[in-house]
N, C-alpha and C. Protein backbone atom coordinates (compact mmCIF):
# COMPACT_ATOMS: atom_id res chain seq x y z
N PRO A 1 24.04 15.99 43.93
CA PRO A 1 23.75 15.10 45.02
C PRO A 1 22.36 14.51 44.74
N GLY A 2 22.22 13.40 44.92
CA GLY A 2 20.59 13.07 44.44
C GLY A 2 20.48 12.44 43.25
N SER A 3 21.43 12.82 42.23
CA SER A 3 21.54 12.51 40.87
C SER A 3 22.32 11.53 40.43
N SER A 4 22.23 10.66 39.34
CA SER A 4 22.78 9.67 39.09
C SER A 4 24.14 10.16 38.35
N PRO A 5 25.45 9.35 38.69
CA PRO A 5 26.47 9.98 38.15
C PRO A 5 26.77 9.69 36.72
N HIS A 6 25.79 8.97 36.14
CA HIS A 6 25.99 8.78 34.79
C HIS A 6 25.09 9.74 33.87
N ILE A 7 24.52 10.54 34.46
CA ILE A 7 23.60 11.59 33.79
C ILE A 7 24.68 13.02 33.90
N CYS A 8 24.76 13.67 32.71
CA CYS A 8 25.22 14.92 32.93
C CYS A 8 24.41 15.98 32.23
N HIS A 9 24.86 17.00 32.60
CA HIS A 9 23.73 18.26 32.06
C HIS A 9 23.79 18.15 30.25
N ALA A 10 24.82 17.52 29.50
CA ALA A 10 24.74 17.91 28.31
C ALA A 10 23.68 16.74 27.83
N ASN A 11 23.75 15.49 28.31
CA ASN A 11 23.06 14.32 28.07
C ASN A 11 21.35 14.72 28.14
N VAL A 12 21.44 15.54 29.30
CA VAL A 12 19.70 16.09 29.48
C VAL A 12 19.45 17.06 28.45
N THR A 13 20.49 17.86 28.22
CA THR A 13 19.98 19.03 27.24
C THR A 13 19.74 18.38 25.65
N ASP A 14 20.52 17.40 25.36
CA ASP A 14 20.72 16.65 24.18
C ASP A 14 19.17 15.93 24.08
N SER A 15 18.82 15.15 25.25
CA SER A 15 17.44 14.41 25.10
C SER A 15 16.26 15.44 25.07
N THR A 16 16.36 16.56 25.68
CA THR A 16 15.42 17.73 25.55
C THR A 16 15.17 18.17 24.25
N ALA A 17 16.34 18.27 23.51
CA ALA A 17 16.46 18.68 22.02
C ALA A 17 15.98 17.88 21.30
N ASN A 18 16.13 16.54 21.38
CA ASN A 18 15.58 15.25 20.57
C ASN A 18 14.14 15.13 20.82
N SER A 19 13.66 15.20 22.03
CA SER A 19 12.26 15.34 22.40
C SER A 19 11.48 16.35 21.51
N SER A 20 11.96 17.25 21.51
CA SER A 20 11.10 18.67 20.85
C SER A 20 11.19 18.27 19.43
N ASN A 21 12.49 17.90 18.85
CA ASN A 21 12.60 17.56 17.23
C ASN A 21 11.63 16.53 16.99
N VAL A 22 11.40 15.35 17.90
CA VAL A 22 10.20 14.33 17.90
C VAL A 22 8.98 14.93 17.78
N THR A 23 8.72 15.94 18.63
CA THR A 23 7.40 16.46 18.64
C THR A 23 6.95 17.42 17.48
N SER A 24 7.97 17.79 17.01
CA SER A 24 7.86 18.68 15.86
C SER A 24 7.54 18.02 14.76
N SER A 25 8.33 16.75 14.40
CA SER A 25 8.28 15.88 13.28
C SER A 25 6.70 15.42 13.33
N ALA A 26 6.35 14.98 14.70
CA ALA A 26 4.89 14.27 14.97
C ALA A 26 3.92 15.38 14.52
N LYS A 27 4.05 16.68 14.63
CA LYS A 27 3.15 17.53 14.34
C LYS A 27 3.10 17.54 12.93
N GLU A 28 4.28 17.87 12.39
CA GLU A 28 4.41 17.97 10.77
C GLU A 28 3.87 16.58 10.13
N ALA A 29 3.98 15.74 10.52
CA ALA A 29 3.37 14.34 9.88
C ALA A 29 1.90 14.65 10.03
N ARG A 30 1.50 14.88 11.41
CA ARG A 30 -0.32 14.83 11.43
C ARG A 30 -0.85 15.85 10.28
N LYS A 31 0.04 17.17 10.22
CA LYS A 31 -0.55 18.13 9.47
C LYS A 31 -0.53 17.63 7.97
N LEU A 32 0.63 16.91 7.49
CA LEU A 32 0.53 16.47 6.32
C LEU A 32 -0.41 15.36 5.91
N ARG A 33 -0.59 14.45 6.85
CA ARG A 33 -1.67 13.45 6.97
C ARG A 33 -3.04 14.01 6.72
N GLN A 34 -3.43 15.03 7.41
CA GLN A 34 -4.77 15.97 7.23
C GLN A 34 -4.83 16.44 5.68
N LYS A 35 -3.61 17.02 5.56
CA LYS A 35 -3.65 17.76 3.95
C LYS A 35 -3.98 16.59 2.99
N MET A 36 -3.42 15.42 2.94
CA MET A 36 -3.57 14.40 2.20
C MET A 36 -4.90 13.82 2.32
N THR A 37 -5.36 13.51 3.37
CA THR A 37 -6.88 13.33 3.54
C THR A 37 -7.92 13.98 2.90
N GLN A 38 -7.57 15.43 3.11
CA GLN A 38 -8.55 16.27 2.70
C GLN A 38 -8.41 16.08 0.99
N TYR A 39 -7.08 16.36 0.38
CA TYR A 39 -7.18 16.15 -1.00
C TYR A 39 -7.71 15.05 -1.71
N TYR A 40 -7.34 13.64 -1.12
CA TYR A 40 -7.82 12.49 -1.88
C TYR A 40 -9.34 12.43 -1.41
N GLY A 41 -9.71 13.12 0.02
CA GLY A 41 -11.48 12.99 0.09
C GLY A 41 -12.05 13.72 -0.89
N SER A 42 -11.45 14.90 -1.35
CA SER A 42 -12.09 15.66 -2.23
C SER A 42 -11.86 15.31 -3.80
N ASN A 43 -10.93 14.54 -4.10
CA ASN A 43 -10.69 14.14 -5.48
C ASN A 43 -10.54 12.55 -5.84
N PRO A 44 -11.75 12.16 -6.07
CA PRO A 44 -11.95 10.48 -5.92
C PRO A 44 -10.81 10.17 -7.30
N ASP A 45 -10.91 10.89 -8.29
CA ASP A 45 -10.11 10.44 -9.36
C ASP A 45 -8.62 10.23 -8.73
N ALA A 46 -7.88 11.26 -8.29
CA ALA A 46 -6.76 11.14 -7.86
C ALA A 46 -6.84 10.00 -6.85
N LEU A 47 -7.50 9.61 -6.00
CA LEU A 47 -7.36 8.59 -5.15
C LEU A 47 -7.27 7.35 -5.81
N LEU A 48 -8.29 7.09 -6.84
CA LEU A 48 -8.31 6.08 -7.54
C LEU A 48 -6.69 5.85 -8.29
N LYS A 49 -6.26 6.83 -8.68
CA LYS A 49 -4.99 6.60 -9.39
C LYS A 49 -3.80 6.13 -8.45
N ILE A 50 -3.91 6.80 -7.12
CA ILE A 50 -2.78 6.56 -6.25
C ILE A 50 -3.18 4.99 -5.89
N MET A 51 -4.38 4.67 -5.73
CA MET A 51 -4.57 3.27 -5.32
C MET A 51 -4.22 2.14 -6.29
N ILE A 52 -4.27 2.66 -7.51
CA ILE A 52 -4.03 1.81 -8.50
C ILE A 52 -2.36 1.65 -8.61
N ALA A 53 -1.88 2.86 -8.41
CA ALA A 53 -0.30 2.87 -8.46
C ALA A 53 0.32 1.80 -7.16
N LEU A 54 -0.26 1.77 -6.11
CA LEU A 54 0.15 0.86 -4.98
C LEU A 54 -0.17 -0.20 -5.37
N GLU A 55 -1.39 -0.57 -5.85
CA GLU A 55 -1.51 -2.09 -6.26
C GLU A 55 -0.89 -2.64 -7.19
N PHE A 56 -0.61 -1.83 -8.18
CA PHE A 56 0.26 -2.79 -9.37
C PHE A 56 1.39 -2.73 -9.05
N GLY A 57 2.21 -2.02 -7.86
CA GLY A 57 3.67 -1.85 -7.70
C GLY A 57 4.50 -0.68 -8.56
N VAL A 58 3.80 0.28 -9.06
CA VAL A 58 4.19 1.22 -9.64
C VAL A 58 5.28 2.08 -8.93
N ILE A 59 4.92 2.18 -7.76
CA ILE A 59 5.75 3.05 -6.94
C ILE A 59 6.78 2.25 -6.26
N ASP A 60 8.04 2.47 -6.26
CA ASP A 60 9.39 1.61 -6.07
C ASP A 60 9.43 1.47 -4.56
N GLY A 61 8.83 2.31 -3.75
CA GLY A 61 9.24 2.32 -2.27
C GLY A 61 8.06 1.44 -1.92
N GLU A 62 7.33 1.01 -2.37
CA GLU A 62 6.23 0.05 -2.04
C GLU A 62 6.48 -1.14 -2.47
N THR A 63 7.34 -2.00 -1.90
CA THR A 63 7.67 -3.39 -2.29
C THR A 63 7.07 -4.47 -1.39
N ARG A 64 6.60 -5.48 -1.88
CA ARG A 64 5.92 -6.47 -1.14
C ARG A 64 6.96 -7.86 -1.09
N SER A 65 7.17 -8.49 0.05
CA SER A 65 7.62 -9.70 -0.06
C SER A 65 6.82 -11.12 -0.15
N PRO A 66 7.30 -11.72 -1.03
CA PRO A 66 6.33 -12.95 -1.67
C PRO A 66 6.23 -13.88 -0.44
N PHE A 67 7.42 -13.85 0.41
CA PHE A 67 7.43 -14.84 1.60
C PHE A 67 6.45 -14.28 2.72
N VAL A 68 6.44 -12.82 2.99
CA VAL A 68 5.48 -12.73 3.83
C VAL A 68 3.93 -12.69 3.31
N ALA A 69 3.70 -12.56 2.04
CA ALA A 69 2.37 -12.97 1.63
C ALA A 69 2.16 -14.25 1.60
N GLY A 70 2.95 -15.19 1.14
CA GLY A 70 2.79 -16.55 1.45
C GLY A 70 2.34 -17.12 3.05
N GLY A 71 3.42 -16.49 3.72
CA GLY A 71 3.04 -16.75 5.14
C GLY A 71 1.78 -16.52 5.44
N SER A 72 1.43 -15.03 5.44
CA SER A 72 0.13 -14.66 6.03
C SER A 72 -1.13 -15.37 5.22
N SER A 73 -0.95 -15.70 4.18
CA SER A 73 -1.99 -16.48 3.32
C SER A 73 -2.07 -17.94 4.25
N LEU A 74 -0.92 -18.59 4.41
CA LEU A 74 -1.08 -19.96 5.21
C LEU A 74 -1.66 -19.72 6.43
N ALA A 75 -1.24 -18.71 7.29
CA ALA A 75 -1.80 -18.42 8.67
C ALA A 75 -3.24 -17.99 8.71
N LEU A 76 -3.63 -17.41 7.57
CA LEU A 76 -4.97 -17.08 7.59
C LEU A 76 -5.98 -18.24 7.25
N PHE A 77 -5.23 -19.16 6.47
CA PHE A 77 -6.08 -20.39 5.98
C PHE A 77 -6.11 -21.20 7.05
N ILE A 78 -5.11 -21.32 7.95
CA ILE A 78 -5.30 -22.19 8.97
C ILE A 78 -6.27 -21.74 10.12
N ALA A 79 -6.21 -20.49 10.33
CA ALA A 79 -7.02 -19.83 11.29
C ALA A 79 -8.55 -20.05 10.99
N GLY A 80 -8.58 -20.01 9.46
CA GLY A 80 -9.91 -20.12 9.16
C GLY A 80 -10.55 -21.50 9.12
N SER A 81 -9.63 -22.30 8.86
CA SER A 81 -9.94 -23.83 9.06
C SER A 81 -10.19 -24.45 10.39
N LEU A 82 -9.84 -23.76 11.46
CA LEU A 82 -9.53 -24.42 12.59
C LEU A 82 -11.15 -24.46 13.19
N PRO A 83 -12.12 -23.74 13.10
CA PRO A 83 -13.45 -23.74 13.71
C PRO A 83 -13.99 -25.12 13.12
N SER A 84 -13.82 -25.40 11.60
CA SER A 84 -14.53 -26.51 11.23
C SER A 84 -13.60 -27.89 11.68
N VAL A 85 -12.40 -27.92 12.13
CA VAL A 85 -11.64 -28.88 12.77
C VAL A 85 -12.21 -29.09 14.39
N ILE A 86 -12.32 -28.05 15.00
CA ILE A 86 -12.44 -28.15 16.57
C ILE A 86 -13.94 -28.52 16.46
């Protein structure tokens, strides 16, 4: 009584388990981010190497779309030229 007929106990249990998994993943991601920040903060040579790898596209997971790059350049150009037109 008083609860929606579409919600059953199993769904509530599953959603609770999912939220705890998301919370633990967020905590793990935060810890990893802190470790990486500390590592690259104390090793400028490693930071330079990872920045070079990202910039020149050595890492396969880091792919950039030329269409997105062109579109963002066009949008920024138009936004920058508006003050002189107005």
